PDB file of N, CA and C in Angstrom:
ATOM      1  N   ARG A   1     -55.407-110.215  83.465  1.00  0.00           N
ATOM      2  CA  ARG A   1     -54.992-110.346  82.323  1.00  0.00           C
ATOM      3  C   ARG A   1     -55.188-108.748  81.599  1.00  0.00           C
ATOM      4  N   ILE A   2     -54.097-109.000  80.543  1.00  0.00           N
ATOM      5  CA  ILE A   2     -53.644-107.886  79.914  1.00  0.00           C
ATOM      6  C   ILE A   2     -54.042-107.715  78.691  1.00  0.00           C
ATOM      7  N   HIS A   3     -54.566-106.209  77.934  1.00  0.00           N
ATOM      8  CA  HIS A   3     -54.754-106.283  76.599  1.00  0.00           C
ATOM      9  C   HIS A   3     -53.959-105.302  75.430  1.00  0.00           C
ATOM     10  N   LEU A   4     -53.280-105.840  74.980  1.00  0.00           N
ATOM     11  CA  LEU A   4     -52.123-105.123  74.410  1.00  0.00           C
ATOM     12  C   LEU A   4     -52.675-103.977  73.103  1.00  0.00           C
ATOM     13  N   GLY A   5     -53.741-104.449  72.869  1.00  0.00           N
ATOM     14  CA  GLY A   5     -54.718-103.624  71.851  1.00  0.00           C
ATOM     15  C   GLY A   5     -54.642-104.444  70.562  1.00  0.00           C
ATOM     16  N   PRO A   6     -55.389-103.964  69.493  1.00  0.00           N
ATOM     17  CA  PRO A   6     -55.357-104.823  68.176  1.00  0.00           C
ATOM     18  C   PRO A   6     -54.476-105.658  67.620  1.00  0.00           C
ATOM     19  N   MET A   7     -54.906-106.745  66.984  1.00  0.00           N
ATOM     20  CA  MET A   7     -53.596-107.526  66.530  1.00  0.00           C
ATOM     21  C   MET A   7     -52.915-106.597  65.634  1.00  0.00           C
ATOM     22  N   MET A   8     -53.260-105.846  64.746  1.00  0.00           N
ATOM     23  CA  MET A   8     -52.995-105.306  63.663  1.00  0.00           C
ATOM     24  C   MET A   8     -51.816-104.338  64.511  1.00  0.00           C
ATOM     25  N   GLU A   9     -51.870-103.783  65.383  1.00  0.00           N
ATOM     26  CA  GLU A   9     -50.681-102.794  65.808  1.00  0.00           C
ATOM     27  C   GLU A   9     -49.462-103.537  66.509  1.00  0.00           C
ATOM     28  N   HIS A  10     -49.727-104.754  67.022  1.00  0.00           N
ATOM     29  CA  HIS A  10     -48.783-105.695  68.109  1.00  0.00           C
ATOM     30  C   HIS A  10     -48.492-107.113  67.106  1.00  0.00           C
ATOM     31  N   MET A  11     -47.193-107.387  67.619  1.00  0.00           N
ATOM     32  CA  MET A  11     -46.843-108.684  67.013  1.00  0.00           C
ATOM     33  C   MET A  11     -46.576-109.423  68.252  1.00  0.00           C
ATOM     34  N   VAL A  12     -46.795-110.679  68.032  1.00  0.00           N
ATOM     35  CA  VAL A  12     -46.936-112.172  68.462  1.00  0.00           C
ATOM     36  C   VAL A  12     -45.993-112.127  69.786  1.00  0.00           C
ATOM     37  N   PHE A  13     -44.742-111.483  69.441  1.00  0.00           N
ATOM     38  CA  PHE A  13     -43.268-111.556  70.206  1.00  0.00           C
ATOM     39  C   PHE A  13     -43.577-110.499  71.214  1.00  0.00           C
ATOM     40  N   GLU A  14     -44.330-109.588  70.833  1.00  0.00           N
ATOM     41  CA  GLU A  14     -44.564-108.525  72.386  1.00  0.00           C
ATOM     42  C   GLU A  14     -45.530-109.127  73.428  1.00  0.00           C
ATOM     43  N   GLY A  15     -46.717-109.746  72.698  1.00  0.00           N
ATOM     44  CA  GLY A  15     -47.044-110.165  74.024  1.00  0.00           C
ATOM     45  C   GLY A  15     -46.594-111.566  74.324  1.00  0.00           C
ATOM     46  N   GLU A  16     -45.810-111.914  74.139  1.00  0.00           N
ATOM     47  CA  GLU A  16     -44.902-113.233  74.652  1.00  0.00           C
ATOM     48  C   GLU A  16     -43.760-112.401  75.531  1.00  0.00           C
ATOM     49  N   ALA A  17     -43.229-111.708  75.173  1.00  0.00           N
ATOM     50  CA  ALA A  17     -42.113-110.488  76.151  1.00  0.00           C
ATOM     51  C   ALA A  17     -43.261-110.205  77.268  1.00  0.00           C
ATOM     52  N   LEU A  18     -43.977-109.713  76.953  1.00  0.00           N
ATOM     53  CA  LEU A  18     -44.689-108.782  78.300  1.00  0.00           C
ATOM     54  C   LEU A  18     -45.300-110.233  79.312  1.00  0.00           C
ATOM     55  N   GLY A  19     -45.756-111.363  78.418  1.00  0.00           N
ATOM     56  CA  GLY A  19     -45.697-112.862  79.495  1.00  0.00           C
ATOM     57  C   GLY A  19     -44.703-112.917  80.348  1.00  0.00           C
ATOM     58  N   VAL A  20     -43.312-112.543  79.645  1.00  0.00           N
ATOM     59  CA  VAL A  20     -42.206-113.210  80.570  1.00  0.00           C
ATOM     60  C   VAL A  20     -42.096-112.106  81.626  1.00  0.00           C
ATOM     61  N   ILE A  21     -42.094-110.454  81.118  1.00  0.00           N
ATOM     62  CA  ILE A  21     -41.759-109.382  82.195  1.00  0.00           C
ATOM     63  C   ILE A  21     -42.753-109.609  83.181  1.00  0.00           C
ATOM     64  N   LEU A  22     -44.124-110.197  82.974  1.00  0.00           N
ATOM     65  CA  LEU A  22     -45.037-110.330  84.129  1.00  0.00           C
ATOM     66  C   LEU A  22     -44.917-111.727  84.747  1.00  0.00           C
ATOM     67  N   ALA A  23     -44.290-112.764  84.246  1.00  0.00           N
ATOM     68  CA  ALA A  23     -43.779-113.803  85.025  1.00  0.00           C
ATOM     69  C   ALA A  23     -42.750-113.548  86.220  1.00  0.00           C
ATOM     70  N   LEU A  24     -41.742-112.145  85.591  1.00  0.00           N
ATOM     71  CA  LEU A  24     -40.315-111.878  86.363  1.00  0.00           C
ATOM     72  C   LEU A  24     -41.397-111.015  87.497  1.00  0.00           C
ATOM     73  N   ASP A  25     -41.866-110.577  87.026  1.00  0.00           N
ATOM     74  CA  ASP A  25     -42.444-109.715  88.364  1.00  0.00           C
ATOM     75  C   ASP A  25     -43.349-110.196  89.372  1.00  0.00           C
ATOM     76  N   ILE A  26     -43.819-111.540  89.345  1.00  0.00           N
ATOM     77  CA  ILE A  26     -44.540-112.145  89.845  1.00  0.00           C
ATOM     78  C   ILE A  26     -43.364-112.954  90.929  1.00  0.00           C
ATOM     79  N   ILE A  27     -42.708-113.425  90.169  1.00  0.00           N
ATOM     80  CA  ILE A  27     -41.430-114.069  90.885  1.00  0.00           C
ATOM     81  C   ILE A  27     -40.652-113.425  92.035  1.00  0.00           C
ATOM     82  N   LYS A  28     -40.582-112.318  91.525  1.00  0.00           N
ATOM     83  CA  LYS A  28     -39.794-110.956  92.187  1.00  0.00           C
ATOM     84  C   LYS A  28     -40.586-110.709  93.485  1.00  0.00           C
ATOM     85  N   GLN A  29     -42.105-110.589  93.162  1.00  0.00           N
ATOM     86  CA  GLN A  29     -42.747-110.163  94.763  1.00  0.00           C
ATOM     87  C   GLN A  29     -43.010-111.341  95.635  1.00  0.00           C
ATOM     88  N   SER A  30     -42.477-112.589  94.994  1.00  0.00           N
ATOM     89  CA  SER A  30     -43.070-113.660  96.130  1.00  0.00           C
ATOM     90  C   SER A  30     -41.969-114.001  96.760  1.00  0.00           C
ATOM     91  N   LEU A  31     -41.974-114.344  98.314  1.00  0.00           N
ATOM     92  CA  LEU A  31     -40.834-114.564  99.011  1.00  0.00           C
ATOM     93  C   LEU A  31     -40.511-115.689  99.062  1.00  0.00           C
ATOM     94  N   ARG A  32     -41.567-116.760  98.793  1.00  0.00           N
ATOM     95  CA  ARG A  32     -41.907-118.318  98.665  1.00  0.00           C
ATOM     96  C   ARG A  32     -41.026-118.722  97.479  1.00  0.00           C
ATOM     97  N   ILE A  33     -40.620-118.325  96.457  1.00  0.00           N
ATOM     98  CA  ILE A  33     -40.196-118.739  95.079  1.00  0.00           C
ATOM     99  C   ILE A  33     -38.990-118.908  95.126  1.00  0.00           C
ATOM    100  N   LYS A  34     -38.133-119.935  95.433  1.00  0.00           N
ATOM    101  CA  LYS A  34     -36.454-119.888  95.546  1.00  0.00           C
ATOM    102  C   LYS A  34     -35.812-120.252  94.222  1.00  0.00           C
ATOM    103  N   LYS A  35     -36.622-120.748  93.340  1.00  0.00           N
ATOM    104  CA  LYS A  35     -36.331-121.608  91.899  1.00  0.00           C
ATOM    105  C   LYS A  35     -37.293-121.165  90.907  1.00  0.00           C
ATOM    106  N   ALA A  36     -37.301-120.837  89.820  1.00  0.00           N
ATOM    107  CA  ALA A  36     -38.019-120.657  88.702  1.00  0.00           C
ATOM    108  C   ALA A  36     -37.690-120.876  87.264  1.00  0.00           C
ATOM    109  N   ALA A  37     -38.365-121.163  86.183  1.00  0.00           N
ATOM    110  CA  ALA A  37     -38.287-121.688  85.160  1.00  0.00           C
ATOM    111  C   ALA A  37     -39.368-120.886  84.084  1.00  0.00           C
ATOM    112  N   ILE A  38     -38.707-120.218  83.437  1.00  0.00           N
ATOM    113  CA  ILE A  38     -39.703-119.672  82.290  1.00  0.00           C
ATOM    114  C   ILE A  38     -39.707-120.301  80.777  1.00  0.00           C
ATOM    115  N   LEU A  39     -40.416-120.569  80.184  1.00  0.00           N
ATOM    116  CA  LEU A  39     -40.275-121.100  78.811  1.00  0.00           C
ATOM    117  C   LEU A  39     -41.088-120.462  78.059  1.00  0.00           C
ATOM    118  N   LEU A  40     -40.066-120.512  77.050  1.00  0.00           N
ATOM    119  CA  LEU A  40     -40.471-119.389  75.703  1.00  0.00           C
ATOM    120  C   LEU A  40     -40.225-119.951  74.468  1.00  0.00           C
ATOM    121  N   ASP A  41     -41.152-120.169  73.609  1.00  0.00           N
ATOM    122  CA  ASP A  41     -40.506-120.844  72.336  1.00  0.00           C
ATOM    123  C   ASP A  41     -40.593-119.690  70.967  1.00  0.00           C
ATOM    124  N   ASN A  42     -40.480-118.440  71.604  1.00  0.00           N
ATOM    125  CA  ASN A  42     -40.449-117.315  70.407  1.00  0.00           C
ATOM    126  C   ASN A  42     -39.324-116.929  70.426  1.00  0.00           C
ATOM    127  N   GLN A  43     -38.687-117.043  68.988  1.00  0.00           N
ATOM    128  CA  GLN A  43     -36.918-116.834  68.982  1.00  0.00           C
ATOM    129  C   GLN A  43     -36.893-115.170  68.966  1.00  0.00           C
ATOM    130  N   ALA A  44     -37.984-114.522  68.563  1.00  0.00           N
ATOM    131  CA  ALA A  44     -38.096-112.999  68.527  1.00  0.00           C
ATOM    132  C   ALA A  44     -37.917-112.355  69.481  1.00  0.00           C
ATOM    133  N   ALA A  45     -38.735-112.767  70.848  1.00  0.00           N
ATOM    134  CA  ALA A  45     -38.684-112.707  71.966  1.00  0.00           C
ATOM    135  C   ALA A  45     -37.666-113.099  72.697  1.00  0.00           C
ATOM    136  N   ILE A  46     -37.329-114.204  72.438  1.00  0.00           N
ATOM    137  CA  ILE A  46     -35.644-114.761  73.195  1.00  0.00           C
ATOM    138  C   ILE A  46     -34.733-113.404  73.016  1.00  0.00           C
ATOM    139  N   THR A  47     -34.499-113.383  71.663  1.00  0.00           N
ATOM    140  CA  THR A  47     -33.420-112.608  71.456  1.00  0.00           C
ATOM    141  C   THR A  47     -33.505-111.253  71.559  1.00  0.00           C
ATOM    142  N   SER A  48     -34.985-110.636  71.679  1.00  0.00           N
ATOM    143  CA  SER A  48     -34.942-109.262  72.316  1.00  0.00           C
ATOM    144  C   SER A  48     -34.781-109.280  73.585  1.00  0.00           C
ATOM    145  N   MET A  49     -34.670-110.195  74.488  1.00  0.00           N
ATOM    146  CA  MET A  49     -34.647-109.979  75.771  1.00  0.00           C
ATOM    147  C   MET A  49     -33.081-110.019  76.037  1.00  0.00           C
ATOM    148  N   ARG A  50     -32.600-111.039  75.359  1.00  0.00           N
ATOM    149  CA  ARG A  50     -31.145-111.327  75.575  1.00  0.00           C
ATOM    150  C   ARG A  50     -30.039-109.831  74.837  1.00  0.00           C
ATOM    151  N   ASP A  51     -30.849-109.421  74.387  1.00  0.00           N
ATOM    152  CA  ASP A  51     -29.890-108.194  73.603  1.00  0.00           C
ATOM    153  C   ASP A  51     -30.132-106.640  74.559  1.00  0.00           C
ATOM    154  N   VAL A  52     -31.238-107.110  75.465  1.00  0.00           N
ATOM    155  CA  VAL A  52     -31.268-105.602  76.394  1.00  0.00           C
ATOM    156  C   VAL A  52     -30.146-105.297  77.142  1.00  0.00           C
ATOM    157  N   GLY A  53     -30.110-103.880  76.852  1.00  0.00           N
ATOM    158  CA  GLY A  53     -28.414-103.157  77.709  1.00  0.00           C
ATOM    159  C   GLY A  53     -27.662-104.283  77.132  1.00  0.00           C
ATOM    160  N   SER A  54     -27.128-104.945  76.241  1.00  0.00           N
ATOM    161  CA  SER A  54     -25.893-105.151  75.786  1.00  0.00           C
ATOM    162  C   SER A  54     -25.648-104.390  74.813  1.00  0.00           C
ATOM    163  N   LYS A  55     -25.945-103.390  74.302  1.00  0.00           N
ATOM    164  CA  LYS A  55     -25.312-102.241  73.433  1.00  0.00           C
ATOM    165  C   LYS A  55     -23.978-101.438  74.066  1.00  0.00           C
ATOM    166  N   SER A  56     -23.020-101.793  73.612  1.00  0.00           N
ATOM    167  CA  SER A  56     -22.106-100.487  73.799  1.00  0.00           C
ATOM    168  C   SER A  56     -21.666 -98.920  73.398  1.00  0.00           C
ATOM    169  N   GLY A  57     -21.167 -98.593  74.258  1.00  0.00           N
ATOM    170  CA  GLY A  57     -21.080 -96.728  73.112  1.00  0.00           C
ATOM    171  C   GLY A  57     -22.659 -95.736  73.563  1.00  0.00           C
ATOM    172  N   GLN A  58     -23.574 -96.253  74.328  1.00  0.00           N
ATOM    173  CA  GLN A  58     -24.827 -95.712  74.034  1.00  0.00           C
ATOM    174  C   GLN A  58     -25.264 -95.392  75.725  1.00  0.00           C
TER     175      GLN A  58
END
């Protein structure tokens, strides 16, 4: 269990994005997992992950 802090300081998408990162870490560490699906319905979290590292010229 991870606590990000007060709700006044964090948005829902931050929690959902952290959940995806933690899921990816579990998948990465497991030798038994060959295929995985991570379901996410928060558009802001999906967009932020899609855009990571895609900016050119930086």
